[in-house]
Amino acid sequence: MPYMPHRKTPCNECPFVKTTPPGQFTDARYEALRVTTEDPANVQAPIGSPLFACHLTHEGKDMPCAGWLAAVGECSITVRLLIAKGRLPHSVLQPGLDWPPLFDSYDAMAKVQGA
């Protein structure tokens, strides 16, 4: 299976970076994207859930967000399967040494970043 392209570092507007100014997306948008990270009954995204794509990638060529992968990617069964199949490196689940601080949950990010 081919390697899955993904963002290697958070972009300058990554909502998972604590220093990113809030308000880029509405609360409703973050609620719609919650399915990428969790299911209210299971507290994890089930198989087949979409990945949280970087907003700087283009539709049809979406790449998973580096901040999302490092902050909450382990909550996605799909991400864990991609890692197990060798399509994503395990290192995507940890921020890089020179990264800015990330939110530690989807809820914390959405609460601050929503407009």
C-alpha atoms as a PDB file:
ATOM      1  CA  MET A   1       0.000   0.000   0.000  1.00  0.00           C
ATOM      2  CA  PRO A   2       1.249   3.491  -0.775  1.00  0.00           C
ATOM      3  CA  TYR A   3       2.424   5.861   1.894  1.00  0.00           C
ATOM      4  CA  MET A   4      -0.251   8.433   2.824  1.00  0.00           C
ATOM      5  CA  PRO A   5       0.768  12.048   2.253  1.00  0.00           C
ATOM      6  CA  HIS A   6       0.308  14.135   5.401  1.00  0.00           C
ATOM      7  CA  ARG A   7       1.393  17.463   6.805  1.00  0.00           C
ATOM      8  CA  LYS A   8       4.738  17.067   8.590  1.00  0.00           C
ATOM      9  CA  THR A   9       4.444  20.199  10.750  1.00  0.00           C
ATOM     10  CA  PRO A  10       1.533  22.421  11.743  1.00  0.00           C
ATOM     11  CA  CYS A  11       0.834  25.332   9.428  1.00  0.00           C
ATOM     12  CA  ASN A  12       0.859  28.910  10.724  1.00  0.00           C
ATOM     13  CA  GLU A  13      -2.928  28.803  11.156  1.00  0.00           C
ATOM     14  CA  CYS A  14      -3.271  25.305  12.632  1.00  0.00           C
ATOM     15  CA  PRO A  15      -6.205  25.300  15.078  1.00  0.00           C
ATOM     16  CA  PHE A  16      -4.432  22.734  17.279  1.00  0.00           C
ATOM     17  CA  VAL A  17      -1.578  25.177  17.976  1.00  0.00           C
ATOM     18  CA  LYS A  18      -2.388  27.054  21.181  1.00  0.00           C
ATOM     19  CA  THR A  19      -0.973  30.351  19.876  1.00  0.00           C
ATOM     20  CA  THR A  20      -3.128  30.408  16.729  1.00  0.00           C
ATOM     21  CA  PRO A  21      -5.644  33.248  17.004  1.00  0.00           C
ATOM     22  CA  PRO A  22      -9.201  31.923  17.369  1.00  0.00           C
ATOM     23  CA  GLY A  23     -12.090  32.529  15.032  1.00  0.00           C
ATOM     24  CA  GLN A  24     -10.987  31.010  11.726  1.00  0.00           C
ATOM     25  CA  PHE A  25     -13.963  28.661  11.772  1.00  0.00           C
ATOM     26  CA  THR A  26     -17.306  28.737  13.534  1.00  0.00           C
ATOM     27  CA  ASP A  27     -18.327  26.595  16.483  1.00  0.00           C
ATOM     28  CA  ALA A  28     -20.650  24.763  14.082  1.00  0.00           C
ATOM     29  CA  ARG A  29     -17.711  23.838  11.834  1.00  0.00           C
ATOM     30  CA  TYR A  30     -15.759  22.422  14.762  1.00  0.00           C
ATOM     31  CA  GLU A  31     -18.822  20.443  15.853  1.00  0.00           C
ATOM     32  CA  ALA A  32     -19.114  19.011  12.323  1.00  0.00           C
ATOM     33  CA  LEU A  33     -15.406  18.055  12.385  1.00  0.00           C
ATOM     34  CA  ARG A  34     -15.718  16.352  15.786  1.00  0.00           C
ATOM     35  CA  VAL A  35     -16.529  13.088  13.952  1.00  0.00           C
ATOM     36  CA  THR A  36     -12.853  12.966  12.910  1.00  0.00           C
ATOM     37  CA  THR A  37     -11.805  12.455  16.507  1.00  0.00           C
ATOM     38  CA  GLU A  38     -14.589  11.017  18.599  1.00  0.00           C
ATOM     39  CA  ASP A  39     -17.950   9.388  18.720  1.00  0.00           C
ATOM     40  CA  PRO A  40     -19.918  10.565  21.774  1.00  0.00           C
ATOM     41  CA  ALA A  41     -20.683   6.959  22.766  1.00  0.00           C
ATOM     42  CA  ASN A  42     -17.117   5.666  22.315  1.00  0.00           C
ATOM     43  CA  VAL A  43     -14.826   8.697  22.828  1.00  0.00           C
ATOM     44  CA  GLN A  44     -12.953   7.681  19.712  1.00  0.00           C
ATOM     45  CA  ALA A  45     -13.639   7.966  16.018  1.00  0.00           C
ATOM     46  CA  PRO A  46     -14.879   4.674  14.557  1.00  0.00           C
ATOM     47  CA  ILE A  47     -13.484   2.932  11.476  1.00  0.00           C
ATOM     48  CA  GLY A  48     -14.382   4.866   8.373  1.00  0.00           C
ATOM     49  CA  SER A  49     -14.492   8.251  10.050  1.00  0.00           C
ATOM     50  CA  PRO A  50     -12.922  10.999   7.968  1.00  0.00           C
ATOM     51  CA  LEU A  51      -9.502  12.363   8.835  1.00  0.00           C
ATOM     52  CA  PHE A  52      -9.133  15.977   9.971  1.00  0.00           C
ATOM     53  CA  ALA A  53      -7.568  17.540   6.896  1.00  0.00           C
ATOM     54  CA  CYS A  54      -5.258  20.532   6.920  1.00  0.00           C
ATOM     55  CA  HIS A  55      -7.280  23.507   5.728  1.00  0.00           C
ATOM     56  CA  LEU A  56      -4.397  24.546   3.457  1.00  0.00           C
ATOM     57  CA  THR A  57      -4.638  21.386   1.353  1.00  0.00           C
ATOM     58  CA  HIS A  58      -6.915  21.243  -1.674  1.00  0.00           C
ATOM     59  CA  GLU A  59     -10.129  19.269  -1.935  1.00  0.00           C
ATOM     60  CA  GLY A  60      -9.427  15.913  -3.502  1.00  0.00           C
ATOM     61  CA  LYS A  61      -5.795  16.160  -2.356  1.00  0.00           C
ATOM     62  CA  ASP A  62      -6.538  16.525   1.343  1.00  0.00           C
ATOM     63  CA  MET A  63      -3.752  15.657   3.744  1.00  0.00           C
ATOM     64  CA  PRO A  64      -4.237  14.977   7.450  1.00  0.00           C
ATOM     65  CA  CYS A  65      -3.420  17.955   9.672  1.00  0.00           C
ATOM     66  CA  ALA A  66      -0.104  17.568  11.514  1.00  0.00           C
ATOM     67  CA  GLY A  67      -1.457  19.274  14.644  1.00  0.00           C
ATOM     68  CA  TRP A  68      -4.523  17.010  14.704  1.00  0.00           C
ATOM     69  CA  LEU A  69      -2.418  13.883  14.216  1.00  0.00           C
ATOM     70  CA  ALA A  70      -0.035  14.784  17.054  1.00  0.00           C
ATOM     71  CA  ALA A  71      -2.671  16.117  19.443  1.00  0.00           C
ATOM     72  CA  VAL A  72      -5.516  13.624  19.049  1.00  0.00           C
ATOM     73  CA  GLY A  73      -4.681  11.254  16.176  1.00  0.00           C
ATOM     74  CA  GLU A  74      -4.579   8.277  18.523  1.00  0.00           C
ATOM     75  CA  CYS A  75      -8.341   8.784  19.037  1.00  0.00           C
ATOM     76  CA  SER A  76      -8.933   7.743  15.419  1.00  0.00           C
ATOM     77  CA  ILE A  77      -9.068   4.030  14.711  1.00  0.00           C
ATOM     78  CA  THR A  78      -8.437   4.897  11.063  1.00  0.00           C
ATOM     79  CA  VAL A  79      -5.152   6.618  11.973  1.00  0.00           C
ATOM     80  CA  ARG A  80      -4.098   3.673  14.124  1.00  0.00           C
ATOM     81  CA  LEU A  81      -4.855   1.271  11.262  1.00  0.00           C
ATOM     82  CA  LEU A  82      -2.900   3.427   8.801  1.00  0.00           C
ATOM     83  CA  ILE A  83       0.069   3.293  11.178  1.00  0.00           C
ATOM     84  CA  ALA A  84      -0.275  -0.464  11.644  1.00  0.00           C
ATOM     85  CA  LYS A  85      -0.343  -0.940   7.855  1.00  0.00           C
ATOM     86  CA  GLY A  86       2.766   1.231   7.429  1.00  0.00           C
ATOM     87  CA  ARG A  87       0.905   3.966   5.555  1.00  0.00           C
ATOM     88  CA  LEU A  88       1.703   6.567   8.222  1.00  0.00           C
ATOM     89  CA  PRO A  89       4.738   6.621  10.528  1.00  0.00           C
ATOM     90  CA  HIS A  90       4.091   6.180  14.250  1.00  0.00           C
ATOM     91  CA  SER A  91       5.919   9.473  14.794  1.00  0.00           C
ATOM     92  CA  VAL A  92       2.859  11.429  13.557  1.00  0.00           C
ATOM     93  CA  LEU A  93       1.301  10.851  16.990  1.00  0.00           C
ATOM     94  CA  GLN A  94       3.904  13.064  18.710  1.00  0.00           C
ATOM     95  CA  PRO A  95       4.749  16.723  18.093  1.00  0.00           C
ATOM     96  CA  GLY A  96       8.204  17.492  16.783  1.00  0.00           C
ATOM     97  CA  LEU A  97      10.863  18.882  19.123  1.00  0.00           C
ATOM     98  CA  ASP A  98      10.599  22.413  17.727  1.00  0.00           C
ATOM     99  CA  TRP A  99       6.797  22.560  17.499  1.00  0.00           C
ATOM    100  CA  PRO A 100       4.714  25.137  19.341  1.00  0.00           C
ATOM    101  CA  PRO A 101       2.470  23.857  22.156  1.00  0.00           C
ATOM    102  CA  LEU A 102      -0.656  21.989  21.035  1.00  0.00           C
ATOM    103  CA  PHE A 103      -4.053  21.576  22.656  1.00  0.00           C
ATOM    104  CA  ASP A 104      -4.297  18.196  24.338  1.00  0.00           C
ATOM    105  CA  SER A 105      -7.879  17.423  23.297  1.00  0.00           C
ATOM    106  CA  TYR A 106     -10.348  18.173  20.557  1.00  0.00           C
ATOM    107  CA  ASP A 107     -12.705  19.756  23.111  1.00  0.00           C
ATOM    108  CA  ALA A 108     -10.020  22.122  24.416  1.00  0.00           C
ATOM    109  CA  MET A 109      -9.129  23.183  20.868  1.00  0.00           C
ATOM    110  CA  ALA A 110     -12.739  23.672  19.718  1.00  0.00           C
ATOM    111  CA  LYS A 111     -13.670  25.626  22.847  1.00  0.00           C
ATOM    112  CA  VAL A 112     -10.883  28.162  22.274  1.00  0.00           C
ATOM    113  CA  GLN A 113     -10.785  28.239  18.469  1.00  0.00           C
ATOM    114  CA  GLY A 114     -14.502  28.388  17.676  1.00  0.00           C
ATOM    115  CA  ALA A 115     -16.060  31.709  16.738  1.00  0.00           C
END
